[in-house]
Amino acid sequence: MLVASDRSVSKCCLACSLSRLWDTIKEDFNRQGFFQSGSLPGDKQRQKGVVRVNCIDCLDRTNVVQGLLGRKHLEYVLDRAGLLDATDILALPNTFPQVCMLLANSCL
């Protein structure tokens, strides 16, 4: 899936832009799945694809998008493991504050 970005996004609109981006790609993103090998039959899962982020117009913005995708994937995996409710926007910072410290602005 190819998603064009708006290069004129100001810092004050970054959260809105990331929200729109996520709304656009989340179904495809979640369909990719992740590899999981476990001892129980239901624990095994194959990854079906990858997500690629091209350099947008600035390395900082590319890293912000990659940070968003990393956080969303972490939430997805923790949700599947029963450790987090990924539908709760504050679940990650409330449940794992130390992770949010490492992710810096991604947990805002």
Protein backbone atom coordinates (compact mmCIF):
# COMPACT_ATOMS: atom_id res chain seq x y z
CA MET A 1 0.00 0.00 0.00
CA LEU A 2 1.38 3.39 -0.93
CA VAL A 3 0.48 6.40 1.19
CA ALA A 4 1.55 9.88 0.18
CA SER A 5 2.55 12.29 2.89
CA ASP A 6 1.94 16.02 3.16
CA ARG A 7 5.37 17.66 3.23
CA SER A 8 3.98 20.93 4.53
CA VAL A 9 2.95 19.55 7.93
CA SER A 10 3.90 21.84 10.78
CA LYS A 11 4.94 20.56 14.20
CA CYS A 12 1.62 21.57 15.73
CA CYS A 13 -0.21 19.36 13.22
CA LEU A 14 2.14 16.38 13.53
CA ALA A 15 -0.09 14.47 15.97
CA CYS A 16 -3.10 15.01 13.68
CA SER A 17 -1.09 13.89 10.66
CA LEU A 18 0.12 10.76 12.44
CA SER A 19 -3.42 10.00 13.52
CA ARG A 20 -4.65 10.33 9.91
CA LEU A 21 -1.76 8.21 8.67
CA TRP A 22 -2.54 5.49 11.22
CA ASP A 23 -6.25 5.55 10.33
CA THR A 24 -5.26 5.08 6.68
CA ILE A 25 -2.87 2.14 7.15
CA LYS A 26 -3.95 0.33 10.33
CA GLU A 27 -5.97 -2.41 8.62
CA ASP A 28 -3.11 -3.25 6.24
CA PHE A 29 -0.59 -2.94 9.07
CA ASN A 30 -2.49 -5.35 11.31
CA ARG A 31 -3.01 -7.80 8.44
CA GLN A 32 0.78 -8.24 8.22
CA GLY A 33 0.76 -10.04 11.56
CA PHE A 34 3.95 -11.16 13.26
CA PHE A 35 5.91 -14.38 13.64
CA GLN A 36 5.19 -16.28 16.82
CA SER A 37 6.40 -19.73 17.77
CA GLY A 38 4.97 -21.35 20.88
CA SER A 39 4.47 -24.71 22.50
CA LEU A 40 0.66 -24.55 22.28
CA PRO A 41 -1.08 -25.03 18.89
CA GLY A 42 -2.80 -21.62 19.03
CA ASP A 43 0.49 -19.88 19.86
CA LYS A 44 1.96 -20.26 16.38
CA GLN A 45 1.52 -17.50 13.85
CA ARG A 46 3.22 -16.54 10.60
CA GLN A 47 4.09 -13.04 9.54
CA LYS A 48 2.41 -12.23 6.25
CA GLY A 49 4.31 -9.14 5.13
CA VAL A 50 6.46 -6.17 6.02
CA VAL A 51 6.02 -2.41 6.25
CA ARG A 52 8.56 -0.15 4.60
CA VAL A 53 8.98 3.54 5.36
CA ASN A 54 10.83 5.53 2.71
CA CYS A 55 12.73 8.66 3.63
CA ILE A 56 10.06 11.30 3.46
CA ASP A 57 11.56 14.78 3.22
CA CYS A 58 13.44 14.82 6.46
CA LEU A 59 15.02 12.07 8.53
CA ASP A 60 13.29 13.32 11.69
CA ARG A 61 9.84 12.82 10.16
CA THR A 62 10.82 9.40 8.84
CA ASN A 63 11.92 8.41 12.35
CA VAL A 64 8.65 9.72 13.83
CA VAL A 65 6.66 7.53 11.45
CA GLN A 66 8.85 4.52 12.22
CA GLY A 67 8.40 5.23 15.94
CA LEU A 68 4.62 5.30 15.52
CA LEU A 69 4.64 1.99 13.65
CA GLY A 70 6.96 0.44 16.25
CA ARG A 71 4.69 1.52 19.08
CA LYS A 72 1.55 0.26 17.32
CA HIS A 73 3.22 -3.09 16.66
CA LEU A 74 4.35 -3.36 20.28
CA GLU A 75 0.78 -2.63 21.42
CA TYR A 76 -0.54 -5.25 18.98
CA VAL A 77 1.87 -7.96 20.21
CA LEU A 78 1.24 -7.15 23.89
CA ASP A 79 -2.51 -7.20 23.25
CA ARG A 80 -2.27 -10.63 21.58
CA ALA A 81 -0.23 -11.87 24.58
CA GLY A 82 -2.97 -10.65 26.95
CA LEU A 83 -0.70 -8.08 28.59
CA LEU A 84 -2.36 -4.94 27.25
CA ASP A 85 -5.66 -3.64 25.90
CA ALA A 86 -4.55 -2.05 22.62
CA THR A 87 -7.92 -0.29 22.23
CA ASP A 88 -7.15 1.87 25.29
CA ILE A 89 -5.03 4.81 24.12
CA LEU A 90 -3.41 5.14 27.57
CA ALA A 91 -2.85 1.41 28.11
CA LEU A 92 0.84 1.43 27.15
CA PRO A 93 1.91 4.44 29.24
CA ASN A 94 -0.19 3.31 32.22
CA THR A 95 0.87 -0.34 32.10
CA PHE A 96 4.48 0.00 31.00
CA PRO A 97 5.72 3.52 31.89
CA GLN A 98 9.35 2.40 31.56
CA VAL A 99 8.72 1.52 27.90
CA CYS A 100 7.27 4.97 27.31
CA MET A 101 10.39 6.52 28.77
CA LEU A 102 12.40 4.67 26.11
CA LEU A 103 9.96 5.63 23.35
CA ALA A 104 9.99 9.28 24.48
CA ASN A 105 7.34 11.26 22.57
CA SER A 106 5.64 8.19 21.08
CA CYS A 107 3.55 7.67 24.21
CA LEU A 108 1.95 11.09 24.29
